[in-house]
Amino acid sequence: MRREEHRSTAAITRIQPAGTRGPHWRALLEAQWRARLEEVTELSLAYHGAADGRGDESGRQEAYQLLRRTVAARRKLADVEEALARLAAGNFGRCEQCGAPIGAGLLAIIPERRYCPRCTAEPVPAQRHAAGLSPR
């Protein structure tokens, strides 16, 4: 291995926490991406069908509920896409707030996870300020 290759490998190893390297995570995230995309597609089609259907109150209510579910599914799809981007950038498995590693066990449950347990439990500084709390 050339010296430059060794340095870049060492840099990647430092950036990504142990247990978050390898094709396993990409395959898991891509499978989740496909499932989320299918969910968004199905909900979008159902919403448009409901919106074009009955114009009565129950039809509008059904369309509204489908729209809410579609928006939530699109948000989840975006989260998976962002996790794939973090994986490609080499910072998958690190907390976006404090930089601490996120355990592989937690990532196995929610691979698109952005924050470590500590930062998930504590509000970020902007949230603390909005809630009237002093910054840390």
Protein backbone atom coordinates (compact mmCIF):
# COMPACT_ATOMS: atom_id res chain seq x y z
CA MET A 1 0.00 0.00 0.00
CA ARG A 2 1.32 3.40 -0.95
CA ARG A 3 1.88 5.98 1.74
CA GLU A 4 -0.96 8.22 0.45
CA GLU A 5 -3.40 5.28 0.45
CA HIS A 6 -2.39 4.39 4.00
CA ARG A 7 -2.96 7.96 5.16
CA SER A 8 -6.41 8.17 3.56
CA THR A 9 -7.36 4.80 5.06
CA ALA A 10 -6.18 5.98 8.47
CA ALA A 11 -8.18 9.19 8.10
CA ILE A 12 -11.35 7.26 7.28
CA THR A 13 -10.75 4.95 10.23
CA ARG A 14 -10.46 7.94 12.56
CA ILE A 15 -13.58 9.58 11.19
CA GLN A 16 -15.90 6.57 11.25
CA PRO A 17 -16.45 4.83 14.58
CA ALA A 18 -15.59 1.17 14.78
CA GLY A 19 -18.46 -0.99 13.67
CA THR A 20 -19.87 1.56 11.21
CA ARG A 21 -17.62 0.73 8.28
CA GLY A 22 -18.38 -1.73 5.55
CA PRO A 23 -21.01 -2.62 3.00
CA HIS A 24 -23.45 -3.88 5.65
CA TRP A 25 -24.59 -0.35 6.51
CA ARG A 26 -24.95 0.68 2.87
CA ALA A 27 -27.07 -2.40 2.11
CA LEU A 28 -29.23 -1.78 5.18
CA LEU A 29 -29.76 1.89 4.34
CA GLU A 30 -30.46 1.15 0.68
CA ALA A 31 -33.07 -1.46 1.63
CA GLN A 32 -34.66 1.05 3.98
CA TRP A 33 -34.56 3.69 1.23
CA ARG A 34 -36.42 1.39 -1.17
CA ALA A 35 -39.05 0.60 1.46
CA ARG A 36 -39.53 4.29 2.31
CA LEU A 37 -39.79 5.21 -1.37
CA GLU A 38 -42.43 2.54 -1.90
CA GLU A 39 -44.35 3.85 1.13
CA VAL A 40 -44.23 7.45 -0.17
CA THR A 41 -45.39 6.32 -3.61
CA GLU A 42 -48.32 4.30 -2.24
CA LEU A 43 -49.42 7.07 0.12
CA SER A 44 -49.12 9.72 -2.60
CA LEU A 45 -51.26 7.70 -4.97
CA ALA A 46 -53.83 7.06 -2.24
CA TYR A 47 -53.90 10.77 -1.36
CA HIS A 48 -54.47 11.83 -4.96
CA GLY A 49 -57.20 9.22 -5.30
CA ALA A 50 -58.90 10.48 -2.15
CA ALA A 51 -58.48 14.13 -3.11
CA ASP A 52 -60.07 13.51 -6.51
CA GLY A 53 -62.83 11.38 -4.99
CA ARG A 54 -65.63 12.36 -2.69
CA GLY A 55 -65.97 16.01 -1.91
CA ASP A 56 -67.85 15.46 1.34
CA GLU A 57 -66.45 15.93 4.82
CA SER A 58 -65.33 12.30 5.26
CA GLY A 59 -63.54 12.41 1.88
CA ARG A 60 -61.72 15.60 2.84
CA GLN A 61 -60.81 14.12 6.22
CA GLU A 62 -59.42 10.98 4.57
CA ALA A 63 -57.41 13.06 2.10
CA TYR A 64 -56.03 15.19 4.95
CA GLN A 65 -54.94 12.11 6.93
CA LEU A 66 -53.28 10.62 3.84
CA LEU A 67 -51.51 13.90 3.19
CA ARG A 68 -50.17 13.98 6.77
CA ARG A 69 -48.93 10.38 6.45
CA THR A 70 -47.34 11.18 3.07
CA VAL A 71 -45.46 14.16 4.48
CA ALA A 72 -44.19 12.07 7.42
CA ALA A 73 -43.08 9.29 5.05
CA ARG A 74 -41.23 11.82 2.86
CA ARG A 75 -39.46 13.11 5.97
CA LYS A 76 -38.36 9.56 6.83
CA LEU A 77 -37.16 9.04 3.26
CA ALA A 78 -35.11 12.25 3.48
CA ASP A 79 -33.58 11.03 6.77
CA VAL A 80 -32.43 7.82 5.09
CA GLU A 81 -31.02 9.79 2.14
CA GLU A 82 -29.09 12.00 4.55
CA ALA A 83 -27.73 8.91 6.33
CA LEU A 84 -26.54 7.57 2.97
CA ALA A 85 -24.82 10.91 2.36
CA ARG A 86 -23.12 10.72 5.78
CA LEU A 87 -21.98 7.19 4.96
CA ALA A 88 -20.51 8.38 1.64
CA ALA A 89 -18.83 11.34 3.35
CA GLY A 90 -17.28 9.09 5.99
CA ASN A 91 -19.02 10.50 9.05
CA PHE A 92 -21.80 7.93 9.43
CA GLY A 93 -22.16 6.78 13.03
CA ARG A 94 -21.04 10.06 14.61
CA CYS A 95 -23.31 12.39 16.54
CA GLU A 96 -24.04 15.52 14.52
CA GLN A 97 -24.07 17.65 17.66
CA CYS A 98 -21.10 16.51 19.75
CA GLY A 99 -19.21 14.18 17.37
CA ALA A 100 -19.31 11.19 19.74
CA PRO A 101 -19.66 7.75 18.18
CA ILE A 102 -23.12 6.25 18.04
CA GLY A 103 -23.10 2.60 19.00
CA ALA A 104 -23.53 0.02 16.25
CA GLY A 105 -26.38 -1.54 18.24
CA LEU A 106 -28.33 1.73 18.14
CA LEU A 107 -27.58 2.17 14.45
CA ALA A 108 -28.79 -1.37 13.75
CA ILE A 109 -32.17 -0.38 15.17
CA ILE A 110 -32.33 3.10 13.58
CA PRO A 111 -29.57 3.37 10.94
CA GLU A 112 -30.53 6.93 10.02
CA ARG A 113 -29.93 8.07 13.61
CA ARG A 114 -28.16 11.45 13.83
CA TYR A 115 -27.48 11.93 17.52
CA CYS A 116 -25.90 9.96 20.34
CA PRO A 117 -28.13 9.06 23.32
CA ARG A 118 -26.78 11.95 25.38
CA CYS A 119 -27.55 14.59 22.76
CA THR A 120 -30.93 13.01 22.01
CA ALA A 121 -31.85 13.37 25.68
CA GLU A 122 -30.60 16.95 25.96
CA PRO A 123 -32.03 19.78 23.86
CA VAL A 124 -29.63 21.46 21.44
CA PRO A 125 -28.56 25.03 22.38
CA ALA A 126 -31.17 26.65 20.08
CA GLN A 127 -33.91 24.57 21.68
CA ARG A 128 -32.62 25.45 25.15
CA HIS A 129 -32.71 29.15 24.26
CA ALA A 130 -36.23 28.89 22.81
CA ALA A 131 -37.38 27.12 25.97
CA GLY A 132 -35.92 29.94 28.09
CA LEU A 133 -33.09 27.79 29.51
CA SER A 134 -29.54 28.99 29.84
CA PRO A 135 -26.99 27.62 27.36
CA ARG A 136 -24.71 24.89 28.67
